[in-house]
Amino acid sequence: MVIIAQAGAIFGLAYASYKDIKGREIPDTPWVAMGVTGVILRVVDHQWKMMAISVGAAVLLGVVLAASNLFGGADIKAFLALSLLIPTYPGVVLPIFIVSAFNNLVVLRVTELIAVLFYNMVNGNTYHELSLGKKILLLMTGFPKKTKELDYRFLPLQDTKGDLHLLPDIDVDIEEFKKECGLEEIWVTYGSPLIVYLLIGCLIAFAKGDIILYLLMYFV
């Protein structure tokens, strides 16, 4: 059962990652396939209670992430599908697998933020009209980019008038934005393909476990 669940998660998330990178449009096919496979596996292993707990955790994560406006609908569907497919997993992971996969995703995302901060420091990028805390947040999440070079991979952190917004609009029409924006260069954030991070987070969980849990066990 574990091998089937692993294969379903890897193939489903790999296909979704490909579609996400290619054009940021992900069909529901992988989520339906993963969810249906999960239900079929529960008929065999009878882990209905753990699946219910796993789905509950995924829903809670989805509500929080949707409210933060940092994750899109496809990301939340991925959490739900994965929670149905793999409610629990042996090894150094939390009892609820989706939480461990999410923890690994967070570690990958934090690594990206540190890399962006380093990039801005090396290139001398800064934004003066901000408090220290907001400036650090901006330097960890965004960077200057010529407006004409923007495509679906980037999310503006400034509106067409140049006003700064630290939380991007994930539903922005980038081509329409480029037509309306009169600025030659603006601050943007990279629209990280979080499905890819979730795939990598799952692979890490399968092979090594929960990175955050490992760190807690090591330092505490």
C-alpha atoms as a PDB file:
ATOM      1  CA  MET A   1       0.000   0.000   0.000  1.00  0.00           C
ATOM      2  CA  VAL A   2       2.813   2.391   0.894  1.00  0.00           C
ATOM      3  CA  ILE A   3       4.502   1.953  -2.488  1.00  0.00           C
ATOM      4  CA  ILE A   4       1.232   2.587  -4.339  1.00  0.00           C
ATOM      5  CA  ALA A   5       0.601   5.726  -2.285  1.00  0.00           C
ATOM      6  CA  GLN A   6       4.168   6.932  -2.859  1.00  0.00           C
ATOM      7  CA  ALA A   7       3.897   6.367  -6.606  1.00  0.00           C
ATOM      8  CA  GLY A   8       0.529   8.124  -6.753  1.00  0.00           C
ATOM      9  CA  ALA A   9       1.868  11.144  -4.894  1.00  0.00           C
ATOM     10  CA  ILE A  10       5.052  11.378  -6.958  1.00  0.00           C
ATOM     11  CA  PHE A  11       3.368  10.988 -10.345  1.00  0.00           C
ATOM     12  CA  GLY A  12       0.461  13.279  -9.449  1.00  0.00           C
ATOM     13  CA  LEU A  13       2.640  16.052  -8.038  1.00  0.00           C
ATOM     14  CA  ALA A  14       5.236  15.663 -10.813  1.00  0.00           C
ATOM     15  CA  TYR A  15       2.566  16.122 -13.497  1.00  0.00           C
ATOM     16  CA  ALA A  16       1.094  19.104 -11.631  1.00  0.00           C
ATOM     17  CA  SER A  17       4.587  20.591 -11.205  1.00  0.00           C
ATOM     18  CA  TYR A  18       5.196  20.318 -14.941  1.00  0.00           C
ATOM     19  CA  LYS A  19       1.929  22.118 -15.707  1.00  0.00           C
ATOM     20  CA  ASP A  20       2.662  24.724 -13.026  1.00  0.00           C
ATOM     21  CA  ILE A  21       6.109  25.537 -14.403  1.00  0.00           C
ATOM     22  CA  LYS A  22       4.928  25.490 -18.013  1.00  0.00           C
ATOM     23  CA  GLY A  23       2.063  27.930 -17.644  1.00  0.00           C
ATOM     24  CA  ARG A  24       0.784  28.155 -14.067  1.00  0.00           C
ATOM     25  CA  GLU A  25      -2.427  26.407 -15.120  1.00  0.00           C
ATOM     26  CA  ILE A  26      -3.038  23.071 -13.387  1.00  0.00           C
ATOM     27  CA  PRO A  27      -6.040  20.888 -14.305  1.00  0.00           C
ATOM     28  CA  ASP A  28      -7.942  19.020 -11.600  1.00  0.00           C
ATOM     29  CA  THR A  29      -6.942  15.639 -13.081  1.00  0.00           C
ATOM     30  CA  PRO A  30      -4.006  14.892 -10.726  1.00  0.00           C
ATOM     31  CA  TRP A  31      -5.986  15.909  -7.630  1.00  0.00           C
ATOM     32  CA  VAL A  32      -8.968  13.744  -8.579  1.00  0.00           C
ATOM     33  CA  ALA A  33      -6.679  10.794  -9.371  1.00  0.00           C
ATOM     34  CA  MET A  34      -4.801  11.143  -6.075  1.00  0.00           C
ATOM     35  CA  GLY A  35      -8.002  11.534  -4.066  1.00  0.00           C
ATOM     36  CA  VAL A  36      -9.759   8.564  -5.670  1.00  0.00           C
ATOM     37  CA  THR A  37      -6.655   6.409  -5.218  1.00  0.00           C
ATOM     38  CA  GLY A  38      -6.564   7.409  -1.567  1.00  0.00           C
ATOM     39  CA  VAL A  39     -10.182   6.372  -1.004  1.00  0.00           C
ATOM     40  CA  ILE A  40      -9.559   3.021  -2.738  1.00  0.00           C
ATOM     41  CA  LEU A  41      -6.526   2.402  -0.515  1.00  0.00           C
ATOM     42  CA  ARG A  42      -8.618   3.177   2.575  1.00  0.00           C
ATOM     43  CA  VAL A  43     -11.080   0.470   1.538  1.00  0.00           C
ATOM     44  CA  VAL A  44      -8.139  -1.935   1.748  1.00  0.00           C
ATOM     45  CA  ASP A  45      -6.258  -0.676   4.834  1.00  0.00           C
ATOM     46  CA  HIS A  46      -9.264   0.762   6.741  1.00  0.00           C
ATOM     47  CA  GLN A  47      -7.381   3.882   7.878  1.00  0.00           C
ATOM     48  CA  TRP A  48     -10.555   5.964   7.723  1.00  0.00           C
ATOM     49  CA  LYS A  49      -9.957   7.680  11.057  1.00  0.00           C
ATOM     50  CA  MET A  50      -6.432   8.759  10.122  1.00  0.00           C
ATOM     51  CA  MET A  51      -7.674   9.919   6.732  1.00  0.00           C
ATOM     52  CA  ALA A  52     -10.353  12.046   8.404  1.00  0.00           C
ATOM     53  CA  ILE A  53      -7.743  13.594  10.713  1.00  0.00           C
ATOM     54  CA  SER A  54      -5.403  14.151   7.765  1.00  0.00           C
ATOM     55  CA  VAL A  55      -8.120  15.829   5.686  1.00  0.00           C
ATOM     56  CA  GLY A  56      -9.049  17.980   8.679  1.00  0.00           C
ATOM     57  CA  ALA A  57      -5.436  19.131   8.990  1.00  0.00           C
ATOM     58  CA  ALA A  58      -5.314  19.856   5.253  1.00  0.00           C
ATOM     59  CA  VAL A  59      -8.532  21.892   5.432  1.00  0.00           C
ATOM     60  CA  LEU A  60      -7.152  23.888   8.372  1.00  0.00           C
ATOM     61  CA  LEU A  61      -3.929  24.551   6.480  1.00  0.00           C
ATOM     62  CA  GLY A  62      -5.941  25.508   3.406  1.00  0.00           C
ATOM     63  CA  VAL A  63      -8.084  28.021   5.299  1.00  0.00           C
ATOM     64  CA  VAL A  64      -5.031  29.689   6.861  1.00  0.00           C
ATOM     65  CA  LEU A  65      -3.097  29.775   3.593  1.00  0.00           C
ATOM     66  CA  ALA A  66      -6.072  31.054   1.594  1.00  0.00           C
ATOM     67  CA  ALA A  67      -6.571  33.847   4.135  1.00  0.00           C
ATOM     68  CA  SER A  68      -2.905  34.813   3.787  1.00  0.00           C
ATOM     69  CA  ASN A  69      -3.354  35.194   0.004  1.00  0.00           C
ATOM     70  CA  LEU A  70       0.010  33.483  -0.476  1.00  0.00           C
ATOM     71  CA  PHE A  71      -1.280  30.197  -1.889  1.00  0.00           C
ATOM     72  CA  GLY A  72      -3.586  29.638  -4.840  1.00  0.00           C
ATOM     73  CA  GLY A  73      -6.488  27.270  -5.320  1.00  0.00           C
ATOM     74  CA  ALA A  74      -4.328  24.581  -6.942  1.00  0.00           C
ATOM     75  CA  ASP A  75      -1.964  24.563  -3.949  1.00  0.00           C
ATOM     76  CA  ILE A  76      -4.845  23.982  -1.542  1.00  0.00           C
ATOM     77  CA  LYS A  77      -6.300  21.241  -3.773  1.00  0.00           C
ATOM     78  CA  ALA A  78      -2.886  19.574  -3.710  1.00  0.00           C
ATOM     79  CA  PHE A  79      -2.909  19.516   0.104  1.00  0.00           C
ATOM     80  CA  LEU A  80      -6.370  17.960   0.150  1.00  0.00           C
ATOM     81  CA  ALA A  81      -5.487  15.335  -2.467  1.00  0.00           C
ATOM     82  CA  LEU A  82      -2.282  14.410  -0.650  1.00  0.00           C
ATOM     83  CA  SER A  83      -4.106  14.170   2.683  1.00  0.00           C
ATOM     84  CA  LEU A  84      -6.520  11.654   1.147  1.00  0.00           C
ATOM     85  CA  LEU A  85      -3.766   9.644  -0.505  1.00  0.00           C
ATOM     86  CA  ILE A  86      -1.288   9.468   2.402  1.00  0.00           C
ATOM     87  CA  PRO A  87      -2.876  10.125   5.800  1.00  0.00           C
ATOM     88  CA  THR A  88       0.126   8.737   7.696  1.00  0.00           C
ATOM     89  CA  TYR A  89       3.599   7.432   6.861  1.00  0.00           C
ATOM     90  CA  PRO A  90       6.259   5.396   8.703  1.00  0.00           C
ATOM     91  CA  GLY A  91       9.556   7.029   9.628  1.00  0.00           C
ATOM     92  CA  VAL A  92      10.621  10.317  11.175  1.00  0.00           C
ATOM     93  CA  VAL A  93       7.494  12.237  10.275  1.00  0.00           C
ATOM     94  CA  LEU A  94       4.647  13.623  12.316  1.00  0.00           C
ATOM     95  CA  PRO A  95       1.639  11.278  12.651  1.00  0.00           C
ATOM     96  CA  ILE A  96      -0.120  13.306   9.949  1.00  0.00           C
ATOM     97  CA  PHE A  97       1.928  13.102   6.742  1.00  0.00           C
ATOM     98  CA  ILE A  98       0.549  16.274   5.153  1.00  0.00           C
ATOM     99  CA  VAL A  99       1.949  18.307   8.067  1.00  0.00           C
ATOM    100  CA  SER A 100       5.435  16.853   7.568  1.00  0.00           C
ATOM    101  CA  ALA A 101       5.271  17.482   3.817  1.00  0.00           C
ATOM    102  CA  PHE A 102       4.187  21.065   4.518  1.00  0.00           C
ATOM    103  CA  ASN A 103       7.012  21.509   7.051  1.00  0.00           C
ATOM    104  CA  ASN A 104       9.529  20.468   4.407  1.00  0.00           C
ATOM    105  CA  LEU A 105       7.908  22.881   1.949  1.00  0.00           C
ATOM    106  CA  VAL A 106       8.330  25.679   4.503  1.00  0.00           C
ATOM    107  CA  VAL A 107      12.037  24.865   4.893  1.00  0.00           C
ATOM    108  CA  LEU A 108      12.485  25.035   1.117  1.00  0.00           C
ATOM    109  CA  ARG A 109      10.594  28.319   0.952  1.00  0.00           C
ATOM    110  CA  VAL A 110      12.693  29.850   3.751  1.00  0.00           C
ATOM    111  CA  THR A 111      15.825  28.762   1.889  1.00  0.00           C
ATOM    112  CA  GLU A 112      14.526  30.632  -1.156  1.00  0.00           C
ATOM    113  CA  LEU A 113      13.896  33.769   0.938  1.00  0.00           C
ATOM    114  CA  ILE A 114      17.464  33.690   2.245  1.00  0.00           C
ATOM    115  CA  ALA A 115      18.755  33.302  -1.316  1.00  0.00           C
ATOM    116  CA  VAL A 116      16.699  36.327  -2.463  1.00  0.00           C
ATOM    117  CA  LEU A 117      18.032  38.407   0.456  1.00  0.00           C
ATOM    118  CA  PHE A 118      21.588  37.427  -0.465  1.00  0.00           C
ATOM    119  CA  TYR A 119      20.905  38.328  -4.125  1.00  0.00           C
ATOM    120  CA  ASN A 120      19.659  41.797  -3.159  1.00  0.00           C
ATOM    121  CA  MET A 121      22.597  42.403  -0.828  1.00  0.00           C
ATOM    122  CA  VAL A 122      25.120  41.401  -3.493  1.00  0.00           C
ATOM    123  CA  ASN A 123      23.450  43.634  -6.100  1.00  0.00           C
ATOM    124  CA  GLY A 124      22.895  46.567  -3.736  1.00  0.00           C
ATOM    125  CA  ASN A 125      19.116  46.549  -4.192  1.00  0.00           C
ATOM    126  CA  THR A 126      17.203  48.544  -1.588  1.00  0.00           C
ATOM    127  CA  TYR A 127      13.986  50.506  -1.050  1.00  0.00           C
ATOM    128  CA  HIS A 128      14.473  53.568   1.150  1.00  0.00           C
ATOM    129  CA  GLU A 129      10.923  54.656   2.048  1.00  0.00           C
ATOM    130  CA  LEU A 130      10.259  51.770   4.436  1.00  0.00           C
ATOM    131  CA  SER A 131      10.697  50.900   8.087  1.00  0.00           C
ATOM    132  CA  LEU A 132      13.509  48.466   8.881  1.00  0.00           C
ATOM    133  CA  GLY A 133      11.174  45.505   9.391  1.00  0.00           C
ATOM    134  CA  LYS A 134       9.291  46.062   6.131  1.00  0.00           C
ATOM    135  CA  LYS A 135      12.542  46.677   4.274  1.00  0.00           C
ATOM    136  CA  ILE A 136      13.952  43.338   5.439  1.00  0.00           C
ATOM    137  CA  LEU A 137      10.711  41.600   4.429  1.00  0.00           C
ATOM    138  CA  LEU A 138      10.851  43.222   0.992  1.00  0.00           C
ATOM    139  CA  LEU A 139      14.495  42.273   0.479  1.00  0.00           C
ATOM    140  CA  MET A 140      13.697  38.658   1.374  1.00  0.00           C
ATOM    141  CA  THR A 141      10.710  38.348  -0.944  1.00  0.00           C
ATOM    142  CA  GLY A 142      11.221  40.755  -3.831  1.00  0.00           C
ATOM    143  CA  PHE A 143      13.698  42.279  -6.233  1.00  0.00           C
ATOM    144  CA  PRO A 144      13.686  44.946  -8.991  1.00  0.00           C
ATOM    145  CA  LYS A 145      12.714  43.836 -12.480  1.00  0.00           C
ATOM    146  CA  LYS A 146      12.208  45.731 -15.730  1.00  0.00           C
ATOM    147  CA  THR A 147       8.490  45.950 -16.447  1.00  0.00           C
ATOM    148  CA  LYS A 148       8.857  44.852 -20.073  1.00  0.00           C
ATOM    149  CA  GLU A 149      10.552  41.625 -18.921  1.00  0.00           C
ATOM    150  CA  LEU A 150       7.673  40.518 -16.691  1.00  0.00           C
ATOM    151  CA  ASP A 151       5.816  37.310 -17.482  1.00  0.00           C
ATOM    152  CA  TYR A 152       3.595  34.807 -15.668  1.00  0.00           C
ATOM    153  CA  ARG A 153       6.468  33.798 -13.362  1.00  0.00           C
ATOM    154  CA  PHE A 154       6.502  37.144 -11.544  1.00  0.00           C
ATOM    155  CA  LEU A 155       4.023  38.926  -9.266  1.00  0.00           C
ATOM    156  CA  PRO A 156       4.254  42.735  -8.943  1.00  0.00           C
ATOM    157  CA  LEU A 157       4.839  44.187  -5.475  1.00  0.00           C
ATOM    158  CA  GLN A 158       3.994  47.653  -6.801  1.00  0.00           C
ATOM    159  CA  ASP A 159       0.784  48.770  -8.456  1.00  0.00           C
ATOM    160  CA  THR A 160       0.673  50.602 -11.774  1.00  0.00           C
ATOM    161  CA  LYS A 161       1.184  53.918  -9.933  1.00  0.00           C
ATOM    162  CA  GLY A 162       4.267  52.670  -8.129  1.00  0.00           C
ATOM    163  CA  ASP A 163       2.760  52.217  -4.661  1.00  0.00           C
ATOM    164  CA  LEU A 164       4.358  49.306  -2.802  1.00  0.00           C
ATOM    165  CA  HIS A 165       2.345  46.306  -1.552  1.00  0.00           C
ATOM    166  CA  LEU A 166       4.244  43.601   0.332  1.00  0.00           C
ATOM    167  CA  LEU A 167       1.504  41.037  -0.341  1.00  0.00           C
ATOM    168  CA  PRO A 168       1.155  40.442  -4.101  1.00  0.00           C
ATOM    169  CA  ASP A 169      -2.076  39.843  -5.962  1.00  0.00           C
ATOM    170  CA  ILE A 170      -1.719  36.216  -7.058  1.00  0.00           C
ATOM    171  CA  ASP A 171      -4.556  36.654  -9.583  1.00  0.00           C
ATOM    172  CA  VAL A 172      -3.025  39.631 -11.402  1.00  0.00           C
ATOM    173  CA  ASP A 173      -3.221  39.681 -15.204  1.00  0.00           C
ATOM    174  CA  ILE A 174       0.440  40.375 -15.887  1.00  0.00           C
ATOM    175  CA  GLU A 175      -0.013  41.400 -19.531  1.00  0.00           C
ATOM    176  CA  GLU A 176      -2.739  43.889 -18.598  1.00  0.00           C
ATOM    177  CA  PHE A 177      -0.530  45.167 -15.784  1.00  0.00           C
ATOM    178  CA  LYS A 178       2.342  45.791 -18.210  1.00  0.00           C
ATOM    179  CA  LYS A 179       0.052  47.803 -20.487  1.00  0.00           C
ATOM    180  CA  GLU A 180      -1.169  50.014 -17.641  1.00  0.00           C
ATOM    181  CA  CYS A 181       2.120  50.413 -15.773  1.00  0.00           C
ATOM    182  CA  GLY A 182       4.109  53.501 -16.702  1.00  0.00           C
ATOM    183  CA  LEU A 183       7.191  52.553 -14.685  1.00  0.00           C
ATOM    184  CA  GLU A 184      10.298  51.212 -16.390  1.00  0.00           C
ATOM    185  CA  GLU A 185      11.240  49.065 -13.393  1.00  0.00           C
ATOM    186  CA  ILE A 186       9.259  47.782 -10.417  1.00  0.00           C
ATOM    187  CA  TRP A 187       9.723  45.484  -7.443  1.00  0.00           C
ATOM    188  CA  VAL A 188       8.358  42.003  -7.998  1.00  0.00           C
ATOM    189  CA  THR A 189       8.354  38.659  -6.249  1.00  0.00           C
ATOM    190  CA  TYR A 190       8.948  35.352  -7.929  1.00  0.00           C
ATOM    191  CA  GLY A 191       5.718  33.390  -8.106  1.00  0.00           C
ATOM    192  CA  SER A 192       7.313  30.302  -6.599  1.00  0.00           C
ATOM    193  CA  PRO A 193       5.875  27.061  -8.029  1.00  0.00           C
ATOM    194  CA  LEU A 194       4.778  25.762  -4.633  1.00  0.00           C
ATOM    195  CA  ILE A 195       3.554  22.487  -6.114  1.00  0.00           C
ATOM    196  CA  VAL A 196       7.184  21.813  -7.036  1.00  0.00           C
ATOM    197  CA  TYR A 197       8.204  22.547  -3.445  1.00  0.00           C
ATOM    198  CA  LEU A 198       5.465  20.222  -2.205  1.00  0.00           C
ATOM    199  CA  LEU A 199       6.766  17.469  -4.495  1.00  0.00           C
ATOM    200  CA  ILE A 200      10.310  17.948  -3.190  1.00  0.00           C
ATOM    201  CA  GLY A 201       8.964  18.115   0.361  1.00  0.00           C
ATOM    202  CA  CYS A 202       7.237  14.759  -0.139  1.00  0.00           C
ATOM    203  CA  LEU A 203      10.369  13.179  -1.592  1.00  0.00           C
ATOM    204  CA  ILE A 204      12.367  14.392   1.411  1.00  0.00           C
ATOM    205  CA  ALA A 205       9.694  13.038   3.770  1.00  0.00           C
ATOM    206  CA  PHE A 206       9.743   9.669   1.986  1.00  0.00           C
ATOM    207  CA  ALA A 207      13.539   9.422   2.111  1.00  0.00           C
ATOM    208  CA  LYS A 208      14.538  11.201   5.327  1.00  0.00           C
ATOM    209  CA  GLY A 209      11.444  12.436   7.129  1.00  0.00           C
ATOM    210  CA  ASP A 210      10.382  15.807   8.534  1.00  0.00           C
ATOM    211  CA  ILE A 211      13.253  18.331   8.447  1.00  0.00           C
ATOM    212  CA  ILE A 212      11.773  20.547  11.164  1.00  0.00           C
ATOM    213  CA  LEU A 213      11.111  17.545  13.390  1.00  0.00           C
ATOM    214  CA  TYR A 214      14.695  16.390  12.850  1.00  0.00           C
ATOM    215  CA  LEU A 215      15.968  19.833  13.911  1.00  0.00           C
ATOM    216  CA  LEU A 216      13.750  19.859  16.995  1.00  0.00           C
ATOM    217  CA  MET A 217      14.961  16.390  17.978  1.00  0.00           C
ATOM    218  CA  TYR A 218      18.572  17.471  17.475  1.00  0.00           C
ATOM    219  CA  PHE A 219      18.500  20.774  19.349  1.00  0.00           C
ATOM    220  CA  VAL A 220      15.910  20.107  22.058  1.00  0.00           C
END
